[in-house]
Full PDB file with SEQRES, HELIX, SHEET, SSBOND, CRYST1, ORIGX, SCALE, CONECT and MASTER records, all heavy atoms in Angstrom:
SEQRES   1 A   39  ILE SER GLY VAL THR ILE ALA THR VAL ILE VAL SER ALA          
SEQRES   2 A   39  LEU ILE LEU LEU GLN LEU MET GLY ASN GLU GLY MET ALA          
SEQRES   3 A   39  ALA LYS LEU GLY PRO ILE ALA VAL MET TYR LEU ALA GLY          
HELIX    1 AA1 SER A    2  MET A   20  1                                  19    
HELIX    2 AA2 MET A   25  ALA A   38  1                                  14    
CRYST1    1.000    1.000    1.000  90.00  90.00  90.00 P 1           1          
ORIGX1      1.000000  0.000000  0.000000        0.00000                         
ORIGX2      0.000000  1.000000  0.000000        0.00000                         
ORIGX3      0.000000  0.000000  1.000000        0.00000                         
SCALE1      1.000000  0.000000  0.000000        0.00000                         
SCALE2      0.000000  1.000000  0.000000        0.00000                         
SCALE3      0.000000  0.000000  1.000000        0.00000                         
ATOM      1  N   ILE A   1     -90.394-152.986  -9.306  1.00  0.00           N  
ATOM      2  CA  ILE A   1     -91.373-152.955 -10.392  1.00  0.00           C  
ATOM      3  C   ILE A   1     -92.047-151.591 -10.471  1.00  0.00           C  
ATOM      4  O   ILE A   1     -92.373-151.101 -11.557  1.00  0.00           O  
ATOM      5  CB  ILE A   1     -92.430-154.063 -10.183  1.00  0.00           C  
ATOM      6  CG1 ILE A   1     -91.766-155.446 -10.168  1.00  0.00           C  
ATOM      7  CG2 ILE A   1     -93.486-154.018 -11.280  1.00  0.00           C  
ATOM      8  CD1 ILE A   1     -91.028-155.802 -11.424  1.00  0.00           C  
ATOM      9  N   SER A   2     -92.238-150.941  -9.307  1.00  0.00           N  
ATOM     10  CA  SER A   2     -92.851-149.610  -9.306  1.00  0.00           C  
ATOM     11  C   SER A   2     -92.026-148.637 -10.126  1.00  0.00           C  
ATOM     12  O   SER A   2     -92.565-147.807 -10.870  1.00  0.00           O  
ATOM     13  CB  SER A   2     -92.979-149.088  -7.874  1.00  0.00           C  
ATOM     14  OG  SER A   2     -93.819-149.897  -7.110  1.00  0.00           O  
ATOM     15  N   GLY A   3     -90.702-148.715  -9.991  1.00  0.00           N  
ATOM     16  CA  GLY A   3     -89.839-147.816 -10.747  1.00  0.00           C  
ATOM     17  C   GLY A   3     -89.969-148.023 -12.240  1.00  0.00           C  
ATOM     18  O   GLY A   3     -90.010-147.069 -13.026  1.00  0.00           O  
ATOM     19  N   VAL A   4     -90.036-149.281 -12.656  1.00  0.00           N  
ATOM     20  CA  VAL A   4     -90.235-149.609 -14.068  1.00  0.00           C  
ATOM     21  C   VAL A   4     -91.544-149.016 -14.569  1.00  0.00           C  
ATOM     22  O   VAL A   4     -91.619-148.420 -15.656  1.00  0.00           O  
ATOM     23  CB  VAL A   4     -90.218-151.137 -14.254  1.00  0.00           C  
ATOM     24  CG1 VAL A   4     -90.751-151.531 -15.625  1.00  0.00           C  
ATOM     25  CG2 VAL A   4     -88.803-151.683 -14.064  1.00  0.00           C  
ATOM     26  N   THR A   5     -92.596-149.152 -13.770  1.00  0.00           N  
ATOM     27  CA  THR A   5     -93.914-148.680 -14.190  1.00  0.00           C  
ATOM     28  C   THR A   5     -93.963-147.156 -14.235  1.00  0.00           C  
ATOM     29  O   THR A   5     -94.582-146.570 -15.131  1.00  0.00           O  
ATOM     30  CB  THR A   5     -94.997-149.214 -13.239  1.00  0.00           C  
ATOM     31  OG1 THR A   5     -94.797-150.610 -13.038  1.00  0.00           O  
ATOM     32  CG2 THR A   5     -96.374-148.992 -13.809  1.00  0.00           C  
ATOM     33  N   ILE A   6     -93.337-146.509 -13.274  1.00  0.00           N  
ATOM     34  CA  ILE A   6     -93.284-145.046 -13.275  1.00  0.00           C  
ATOM     35  C   ILE A   6     -92.604-144.544 -14.542  1.00  0.00           C  
ATOM     36  O   ILE A   6     -93.074-143.607 -15.205  1.00  0.00           O  
ATOM     37  CB  ILE A   6     -92.542-144.534 -12.022  1.00  0.00           C  
ATOM     38  CG1 ILE A   6     -93.388-144.780 -10.773  1.00  0.00           C  
ATOM     39  CG2 ILE A   6     -92.209-143.048 -12.147  1.00  0.00           C  
ATOM     40  CD1 ILE A   6     -92.617-144.640  -9.492  1.00  0.00           C  
ATOM     41  N   ALA A   7     -91.476-145.167 -14.884  1.00  0.00           N  
ATOM     42  CA  ALA A   7     -90.772-144.776 -16.113  1.00  0.00           C  
ATOM     43  C   ALA A   7     -91.669-144.970 -17.330  1.00  0.00           C  
ATOM     44  O   ALA A   7     -91.699-144.135 -18.248  1.00  0.00           O  
ATOM     45  CB  ALA A   7     -89.485-145.585 -16.248  1.00  0.00           C  
ATOM     46  N   THR A   8     -92.432-146.079 -17.355  1.00  0.00           N  
ATOM     47  CA  THR A   8     -93.358-146.340 -18.460  1.00  0.00           C  
ATOM     48  C   THR A   8     -94.405-145.246 -18.576  1.00  0.00           C  
ATOM     49  O   THR A   8     -94.684-144.732 -19.667  1.00  0.00           O  
ATOM     50  CB  THR A   8     -94.063-147.693 -18.254  1.00  0.00           C  
ATOM     51  OG1 THR A   8     -93.088-148.726 -18.201  1.00  0.00           O  
ATOM     52  CG2 THR A   8     -95.046-147.968 -19.376  1.00  0.00           C  
ATOM     53  N   VAL A   9     -95.014-144.897 -17.437  1.00  0.00           N  
ATOM     54  CA  VAL A   9     -96.076-143.886 -17.445  1.00  0.00           C  
ATOM     55  C   VAL A   9     -95.540-142.551 -17.932  1.00  0.00           C  
ATOM     56  O   VAL A   9     -96.162-141.878 -18.774  1.00  0.00           O  
ATOM     57  CB  VAL A   9     -96.689-143.758 -16.035  1.00  0.00           C  
ATOM     58  CG1 VAL A   9     -97.607-142.540 -15.955  1.00  0.00           C  
ATOM     59  CG2 VAL A   9     -97.467-145.014 -15.674  1.00  0.00           C  
ATOM     60  N   ILE A  10     -94.382-142.150 -17.430  1.00  0.00           N  
ATOM     61  CA  ILE A  10     -93.834-140.849 -17.806  1.00  0.00           C  
ATOM     62  C   ILE A  10     -93.483-140.819 -19.292  1.00  0.00           C  
ATOM     63  O   ILE A  10     -93.861-139.896 -20.025  1.00  0.00           O  
ATOM     64  CB  ILE A  10     -92.604-140.513 -16.939  1.00  0.00           C  
ATOM     65  CG1 ILE A  10     -93.025-140.316 -15.477  1.00  0.00           C  
ATOM     66  CG2 ILE A  10     -91.904-139.257 -17.458  1.00  0.00           C  
ATOM     67  CD1 ILE A  10     -91.865-140.161 -14.532  1.00  0.00           C  
ATOM     68  N   VAL A  11     -92.740-141.834 -19.759  1.00  0.00           N  
ATOM     69  CA  VAL A  11     -92.307-141.857 -21.156  1.00  0.00           C  
ATOM     70  C   VAL A  11     -93.505-141.916 -22.094  1.00  0.00           C  
ATOM     71  O   VAL A  11     -93.616-141.132 -23.056  1.00  0.00           O  
ATOM     72  CB  VAL A  11     -91.367-143.054 -21.407  1.00  0.00           C  
ATOM     73  CG1 VAL A  11     -91.108-143.236 -22.896  1.00  0.00           C  
ATOM     74  CG2 VAL A  11     -90.052-142.858 -20.665  1.00  0.00           C  
ATOM     75  N   SER A  12     -94.431-142.848 -21.846  1.00  0.00           N  
ATOM     76  CA  SER A  12     -95.570-143.009 -22.755  1.00  0.00           C  
ATOM     77  C   SER A  12     -96.502-141.802 -22.704  1.00  0.00           C  
ATOM     78  O   SER A  12     -97.052-141.386 -23.736  1.00  0.00           O  
ATOM     79  CB  SER A  12     -96.344-144.289 -22.420  1.00  0.00           C  
ATOM     80  OG  SER A  12     -96.813-144.263 -21.085  1.00  0.00           O  
ATOM     81  N   ALA A  13     -96.684-141.213 -21.526  1.00  0.00           N  
ATOM     82  CA  ALA A  13     -97.553-140.039 -21.426  1.00  0.00           C  
ATOM     83  C   ALA A  13     -96.963-138.857 -22.186  1.00  0.00           C  
ATOM     84  O   ALA A  13     -97.687-138.118 -22.876  1.00  0.00           O  
ATOM     85  CB  ALA A  13     -97.767-139.666 -19.958  1.00  0.00           C  
ATOM     86  N   LEU A  14     -95.657-138.660 -22.092  1.00  0.00           N  
ATOM     87  CA  LEU A  14     -95.024-137.553 -22.814  1.00  0.00           C  
ATOM     88  C   LEU A  14     -95.096-137.781 -24.328  1.00  0.00           C  
ATOM     89  O   LEU A  14     -95.312-136.828 -25.097  1.00  0.00           O  
ATOM     90  CB  LEU A  14     -93.570-137.404 -22.364  1.00  0.00           C  
ATOM     91  CG  LEU A  14     -93.380-136.888 -20.927  1.00  0.00           C  
ATOM     92  CD1 LEU A  14     -91.908-136.898 -20.544  1.00  0.00           C  
ATOM     93  CD2 LEU A  14     -93.958-135.483 -20.773  1.00  0.00           C  
ATOM     94  N   ILE A  15     -94.930-139.037 -24.771  1.00  0.00           N  
ATOM     95  CA  ILE A  15     -95.041-139.329 -26.208  1.00  0.00           C  
ATOM     96  C   ILE A  15     -96.465-139.080 -26.695  1.00  0.00           C  
ATOM     97  O   ILE A  15     -96.698-138.419 -27.725  1.00  0.00           O  
ATOM     98  CB  ILE A  15     -94.611-140.782 -26.490  1.00  0.00           C  
ATOM     99  CG1 ILE A  15     -93.106-140.944 -26.264  1.00  0.00           C  
ATOM    100  CG2 ILE A  15     -94.981-141.180 -27.923  1.00  0.00           C  
ATOM    101  CD1 ILE A  15     -92.618-142.374 -26.362  1.00  0.00           C  
ATOM    102  N   LEU A  16     -97.445-139.601 -25.950  1.00  0.00           N  
ATOM    103  CA  LEU A  16     -98.843-139.415 -26.353  1.00  0.00           C  
ATOM    104  C   LEU A  16     -99.261-137.949 -26.296  1.00  0.00           C  
ATOM    105  O   LEU A  16    -100.086-137.499 -27.092  1.00  0.00           O  
ATOM    106  CB  LEU A  16     -99.760-140.249 -25.463  1.00  0.00           C  
ATOM    107  CG  LEU A  16     -99.923-141.722 -25.832  1.00  0.00           C  
ATOM    108  CD1 LEU A  16    -100.932-142.384 -24.916  1.00  0.00           C  
ATOM    109  CD2 LEU A  16    -100.357-141.877 -27.268  1.00  0.00           C  
ATOM    110  N   LEU A  17     -98.689-137.221 -25.359  1.00  0.00           N  
ATOM    111  CA  LEU A  17     -99.012-135.792 -25.252  1.00  0.00           C  
ATOM    112  C   LEU A  17     -98.613-135.070 -26.535  1.00  0.00           C  
ATOM    113  O   LEU A  17     -99.336-134.185 -27.010  1.00  0.00           O  
ATOM    114  CB  LEU A  17     -98.293-135.188 -24.043  1.00  0.00           C  
ATOM    115  CG  LEU A  17     -98.589-133.718 -23.737  1.00  0.00           C  
ATOM    116  CD1 LEU A  17    -100.053-133.530 -23.375  1.00  0.00           C  
ATOM    117  CD2 LEU A  17     -97.692-133.221 -22.606  1.00  0.00           C  
ATOM    118  N   GLN A  18     -97.464-135.455 -27.100  1.00  0.00           N  
ATOM    119  CA  GLN A  18     -97.029-134.840 -28.353  1.00  0.00           C  
ATOM    120  C   GLN A  18     -97.898-135.294 -29.526  1.00  0.00           C  
ATOM    121  O   GLN A  18     -98.144-134.520 -30.465  1.00  0.00           O  
ATOM    122  CB  GLN A  18     -95.562-135.207 -28.624  1.00  0.00           C  
ATOM    123  CG  GLN A  18     -94.587-134.702 -27.579  1.00  0.00           C  
ATOM    124  CD  GLN A  18     -94.657-133.199 -27.387  1.00  0.00           C  
ATOM    125  OE1 GLN A  18     -94.653-132.446 -28.361  1.00  0.00           O  
ATOM    126  NE2 GLN A  18     -94.737-132.765 -26.143  1.00  0.00           N  
ATOM    127  N   LEU A  19     -98.368-136.522 -29.487  1.00  0.00           N  
ATOM    128  CA  LEU A  19     -99.159-137.055 -30.592  1.00  0.00           C  
ATOM    129  C   LEU A  19    -100.618-136.597 -30.546  1.00  0.00           C  
ATOM    130  O   LEU A  19    -101.240-136.363 -31.592  1.00  0.00           O  
ATOM    131  CB  LEU A  19     -99.122-138.588 -30.573  1.00  0.00           C  
ATOM    132  CG  LEU A  19     -97.764-139.249 -30.814  1.00  0.00           C  
ATOM    133  CD1 LEU A  19     -97.879-140.760 -30.630  1.00  0.00           C  
ATOM    134  CD2 LEU A  19     -97.240-138.922 -32.204  1.00  0.00           C  
ATOM    135  N   MET A  20    -101.168-136.480 -29.342  1.00  0.00           N  
ATOM    136  CA  MET A  20    -102.600-136.226 -29.186  1.00  0.00           C  
ATOM    137  C   MET A  20    -102.934-134.825 -28.706  1.00  0.00           C  
ATOM    138  O   MET A  20    -104.070-134.372 -28.876  1.00  0.00           O  
ATOM    139  CB  MET A  20    -103.195-137.247 -28.187  1.00  0.00           C  
ATOM    140  CG  MET A  20    -103.044-138.697 -28.608  1.00  0.00           C  
ATOM    141  SD  MET A  20    -103.591-139.846 -27.309  1.00  0.00           S  
ATOM    142  CE  MET A  20    -105.322-139.430 -27.158  1.00  0.00           C  
ATOM    143  N   GLY A  21    -101.968-134.162 -28.055  1.00  0.00           N  
ATOM    144  CA  GLY A  21    -102.300-132.917 -27.385  1.00  0.00           C  
ATOM    145  C   GLY A  21    -102.976-133.198 -26.061  1.00  0.00           C  
ATOM    146  O   GLY A  21    -103.056-134.347 -25.610  1.00  0.00           O  
ATOM    147  N   ASN A  22    -103.502-132.150 -25.420  1.00  0.00           N  
ATOM    148  CA  ASN A  22    -104.159-132.347 -24.125  1.00  0.00           C  
ATOM    149  C   ASN A  22    -105.483-131.590 -24.026  1.00  0.00           C  
ATOM    150  O   ASN A  22    -105.885-131.172 -22.942  1.00  0.00           O  
ATOM    151  CB  ASN A  22    -103.228-131.931 -22.987  1.00  0.00           C  
ATOM    152  CG  ASN A  22    -102.870-130.452 -23.029  1.00  0.00           C  
ATOM    153  OD1 ASN A  22    -103.133-129.778 -24.025  1.00  0.00           O  
ATOM    154  ND2 ASN A  22    -102.282-129.950 -21.959  1.00  0.00           N  
ATOM    155  N   GLU A  23    -106.144-131.441 -25.159  1.00  0.00           N  
ATOM    156  CA  GLU A  23    -107.425-130.742 -25.162  1.00  0.00           C  
ATOM    157  C   GLU A  23    -108.527-131.686 -25.630  1.00  0.00           C  
ATOM    158  O   GLU A  23    -108.292-132.613 -26.398  1.00  0.00           O  
ATOM    159  CB  GLU A  23    -107.364-129.511 -26.070  1.00  0.00           C  
ATOM    160  CG  GLU A  23    -106.366-128.458 -25.594  1.00  0.00           C  
ATOM    161  CD  GLU A  23    -106.350-127.248 -26.511  1.00  0.00           C  
ATOM    162  OE1 GLU A  23    -107.076-127.273 -27.546  1.00  0.00           O  
ATOM    163  OE2 GLU A  23    -105.608-126.293 -26.209  1.00  0.00           O  
ATOM    164  N   GLY A  24    -109.723-131.418 -25.157  1.00  0.00           N  
ATOM    165  CA  GLY A  24    -110.876-132.197 -25.583  1.00  0.00           C  
ATOM    166  C   GLY A  24    -110.767-133.659 -25.190  1.00  0.00           C  
ATOM    167  O   GLY A  24    -110.447-133.997 -24.054  1.00  0.00           O  
ATOM    168  N   MET A  25    -111.000-134.540 -26.159  1.00  0.00           N  
ATOM    169  CA  MET A  25    -110.984-135.971 -25.889  1.00  0.00           C  
ATOM    170  C   MET A  25    -109.600-136.470 -25.486  1.00  0.00           C  
ATOM    171  O   MET A  25    -109.471-137.459 -24.762  1.00  0.00           O  
ATOM    172  CB  MET A  25    -111.455-136.745 -27.124  1.00  0.00           C  
ATOM    173  CG  MET A  25    -112.915-136.537 -27.491  1.00  0.00           C  
ATOM    174  SD  MET A  25    -113.410-137.568 -28.886  1.00  0.00           S  
ATOM    175  CE  MET A  25    -113.320-139.187 -28.131  1.00  0.00           C  
ATOM    176  N   ALA A  26    -108.557-135.787 -25.935  1.00  0.00           N  
ATOM    177  CA  ALA A  26    -107.194-136.232 -25.618  1.00  0.00           C  
ATOM    178  C   ALA A  26    -106.936-136.218 -24.121  1.00  0.00           C  
ATOM    179  O   ALA A  26    -106.260-137.104 -23.592  1.00  0.00           O  
ATOM    180  CB  ALA A  26    -106.178-135.351 -26.338  1.00  0.00           C  
ATOM    181  N   ALA A  27    -107.461-135.205 -23.428  1.00  0.00           N  
ATOM    182  CA  ALA A  27    -107.241-135.106 -21.980  1.00  0.00           C  
ATOM    183  C   ALA A  27    -107.873-136.276 -21.241  1.00  0.00           C  
ATOM    184  O   ALA A  27    -107.401-136.669 -20.167  1.00  0.00           O  
ATOM    185  CB  ALA A  27    -107.802-133.786 -21.459  1.00  0.00           C  
ATOM    186  N   LYS A  28    -108.931-136.861 -21.815  1.00  0.00           N  
ATOM    187  CA  LYS A  28    -109.603-137.998 -21.177  1.00  0.00           C  
ATOM    188  C   LYS A  28    -109.022-139.333 -21.637  1.00  0.00           C  
ATOM    189  O   LYS A  28    -108.747-140.217 -20.815  1.00  0.00           O  
ATOM    190  CB  LYS A  28    -111.098-137.954 -21.502  1.00  0.00           C  
ATOM    191  CG  LYS A  28    -111.874-139.145 -20.964  1.00  0.00           C  
ATOM    192  CD  LYS A  28    -113.333-139.087 -21.389  1.00  0.00           C  
ATOM    193  CE  LYS A  28    -114.091-140.323 -20.897  1.00  0.00           C  
ATOM    194  NZ  LYS A  28    -115.506-140.310 -21.345  1.00  0.00           N  
ATOM    195  N   LEU A  29    -108.809-139.472 -22.951  1.00  0.00           N  
ATOM    196  CA  LEU A  29    -108.392-140.762 -23.497  1.00  0.00           C  
ATOM    197  C   LEU A  29    -106.892-140.999 -23.354  1.00  0.00           C  
ATOM    198  O   LEU A  29    -106.455-142.154 -23.276  1.00  0.00           O  
ATOM    199  CB  LEU A  29    -108.788-140.859 -24.966  1.00  0.00           C  
ATOM    200  CG  LEU A  29    -110.290-140.823 -25.265  1.00  0.00           C  
ATOM    201  CD1 LEU A  29    -110.544-140.911 -26.759  1.00  0.00           C  
ATOM    202  CD2 LEU A  29    -111.006-141.965 -24.548  1.00  0.00           C  
ATOM    203  N   GLY A  30    -106.091-139.938 -23.331  1.00  0.00           N  
ATOM    204  CA  GLY A  30    -104.644-140.099 -23.202  1.00  0.00           C  
ATOM    205  C   GLY A  30    -104.242-140.872 -21.953  1.00  0.00           C  
ATOM    206  O   GLY A  30    -103.519-141.877 -22.042  1.00  0.00           O  
ATOM    207  N   PRO A  31    -104.699-140.446 -20.758  1.00  0.00           N  
ATOM    208  CA  PRO A  31    -104.353-141.197 -19.548  1.00  0.00           C  
ATOM    209  C   PRO A  31    -104.854-142.635 -19.564  1.00  0.00           C  
ATOM    210  O   PRO A  31    -104.204-143.526 -19.003  1.00  0.00           O  
ATOM    211  CB  PRO A  31    -105.035-140.385 -18.426  1.00  0.00           C  
ATOM    212  CG  PRO A  31    -105.158-139.004 -18.966  1.00  0.00           C  
ATOM    213  CD  PRO A  31    -105.392-139.182 -20.436  1.00  0.00           C  
ATOM    214  N   ILE A  32    -105.994-142.886 -20.221  1.00  0.00           N  
ATOM    215  CA  ILE A  32    -106.515-144.260 -20.292  1.00  0.00           C  
ATOM    216  C   ILE A  32    -105.557-145.143 -21.093  1.00  0.00           C  
ATOM    217  O   ILE A  32    -105.199-146.251 -20.665  1.00  0.00           O  
ATOM    218  CB  ILE A  32    -107.916-144.271 -20.929  1.00  0.00           C  
ATOM    219  CG1 ILE A  32    -108.908-143.507 -20.048  1.00  0.00           C  
ATOM    220  CG2 ILE A  32    -108.392-145.697 -21.151  1.00  0.00           C  
ATOM    221  CD1 ILE A  32    -110.287-143.337 -20.665  1.00  0.00           C  
ATOM    222  N   ALA A  33    -105.122-144.656 -22.259  1.00  0.00           N  
ATOM    223  CA  ALA A  33    -104.184-145.434 -23.076  1.00  0.00           C  
ATOM    224  C   ALA A  33    -102.871-145.653 -22.339  1.00  0.00           C  
ATOM    225  O   ALA A  33    -102.272-146.737 -22.415  1.00  0.00           O  
ATOM    226  CB  ALA A  33    -103.936-144.710 -24.400  1.00  0.00           C  
ATOM    227  N   VAL A  34    -102.417-144.640 -21.610  1.00  0.00           N  
ATOM    228  CA  VAL A  34    -101.179-144.765 -20.821  1.00  0.00           C  
ATOM    229  C   VAL A  34    -101.319-145.870 -19.784  1.00  0.00           C  
ATOM    230  O   VAL A  34    -100.406-146.690 -19.593  1.00  0.00           O  
ATOM    231  CB  VAL A  34    -100.829-143.422 -20.146  1.00  0.00           C  
ATOM    232  CG1 VAL A  34     -99.735-143.616 -19.099  1.00  0.00           C  
ATOM    233  CG2 VAL A  34    -100.370-142.415 -21.184  1.00  0.00           C  
ATOM    234  N   MET A  35    -102.460-145.931 -19.103  1.00  0.00           N  
ATOM    235  CA  MET A  35    -102.637-146.941 -18.060  1.00  0.00           C  
ATOM    236  C   MET A  35    -102.782-148.337 -18.656  1.00  0.00           C  
ATOM    237  O   MET A  35    -102.359-149.320 -18.039  1.00  0.00           O  
ATOM    238  CB  MET A  35    -103.849-146.609 -17.184  1.00  0.00           C  
ATOM    239  CG  MET A  35    -103.715-145.332 -16.364  1.00  0.00           C  
ATOM    240  SD  MET A  35    -102.083-145.099 -15.601  1.00  0.00           S  
ATOM    241  CE  MET A  35    -101.897-146.603 -14.698  1.00  0.00           C  
ATOM    242  N   TYR A  36    -103.368-148.457 -19.833  1.00  0.00           N  
ATOM    243  CA  TYR A  36    -103.404-149.763 -20.512  1.00  0.00           C  
ATOM    244  C   TYR A  36    -101.978-150.248 -20.761  1.00  0.00           C  
ATOM    245  O   TYR A  36    -101.636-151.410 -20.501  1.00  0.00           O  
ATOM    246  CB  TYR A  36    -104.154-149.657 -21.839  1.00  0.00           C  
ATOM    247  CG  TYR A  36    -105.655-149.784 -21.757  1.00  0.00           C  
ATOM    248  CD1 TYR A  36    -106.375-149.175 -20.730  1.00  0.00           C  
ATOM    249  CD2 TYR A  36    -106.377-150.494 -22.708  1.00  0.00           C  
ATOM    250  CE1 TYR A  36    -107.754-149.275 -20.669  1.00  0.00           C  
ATOM    251  CE2 TYR A  36    -107.754-150.605 -22.653  1.00  0.00           C  
ATOM    252  CZ  TYR A  36    -108.438-149.994 -21.636  1.00  0.00           C  
ATOM    253  OH  TYR A  36    -109.802-150.104 -21.563  1.00  0.00           O  
ATOM    254  N   LEU A  37    -101.145-149.349 -21.300  1.00  0.00           N  
ATOM    255  CA  LEU A  37     -99.755-149.706 -21.581  1.00  0.00           C  
ATOM    256  C   LEU A  37     -99.015-150.026 -20.291  1.00  0.00           C  
ATOM    257  O   LEU A  37     -98.277-151.028 -20.217  1.00  0.00           O  
ATOM    258  CB  LEU A  37     -99.062-148.555 -22.314  1.00  0.00           C  
ATOM    259  CG  LEU A  37     -97.577-148.749 -22.619  1.00  0.00           C  
ATOM    260  CD1 LEU A  37     -97.371-149.913 -23.584  1.00  0.00           C  
ATOM    261  CD2 LEU A  37     -96.971-147.466 -23.197  1.00  0.00           C  
ATOM    262  N   ALA A  38     -99.208-149.199 -19.269  1.00  0.00           N  
ATOM    263  CA  ALA A  38     -98.529-149.428 -17.987  1.00  0.00           C  
ATOM    264  C   ALA A  38     -98.942-150.754 -17.378  1.00  0.00           C  
ATOM    265  O   ALA A  38     -98.117-151.474 -16.801  1.00  0.00           O  
ATOM    266  CB  ALA A  38     -98.835-148.284 -17.017  1.00  0.00           C  
ATOM    267  N   GLY A  39    -100.236-151.115 -17.494  1.00  0.00           N  
ATOM    268  CA  GLY A  39    -100.707-152.384 -16.949  1.00  0.00           C  
ATOM    269  C   GLY A  39    -100.021-153.570 -17.597  1.00  0.00           C  
ATOM    270  O   GLY A  39     -99.620-154.522 -16.920  1.00  0.00           O  
TER     271      GLY A  39                                                      
MASTER        0    0    0    2    0    0    0    6  270    1    0    3          
END                                                                             
């Protein structure tokens, strides 16, 4: 299950990084949304 979750975090984080960027609020909210999805 860890492997599945790692793949989820990497894929979703890279997608959100392209959609949101990594500056300002994106740097804080991006990882939160990723962890919601991973959970």
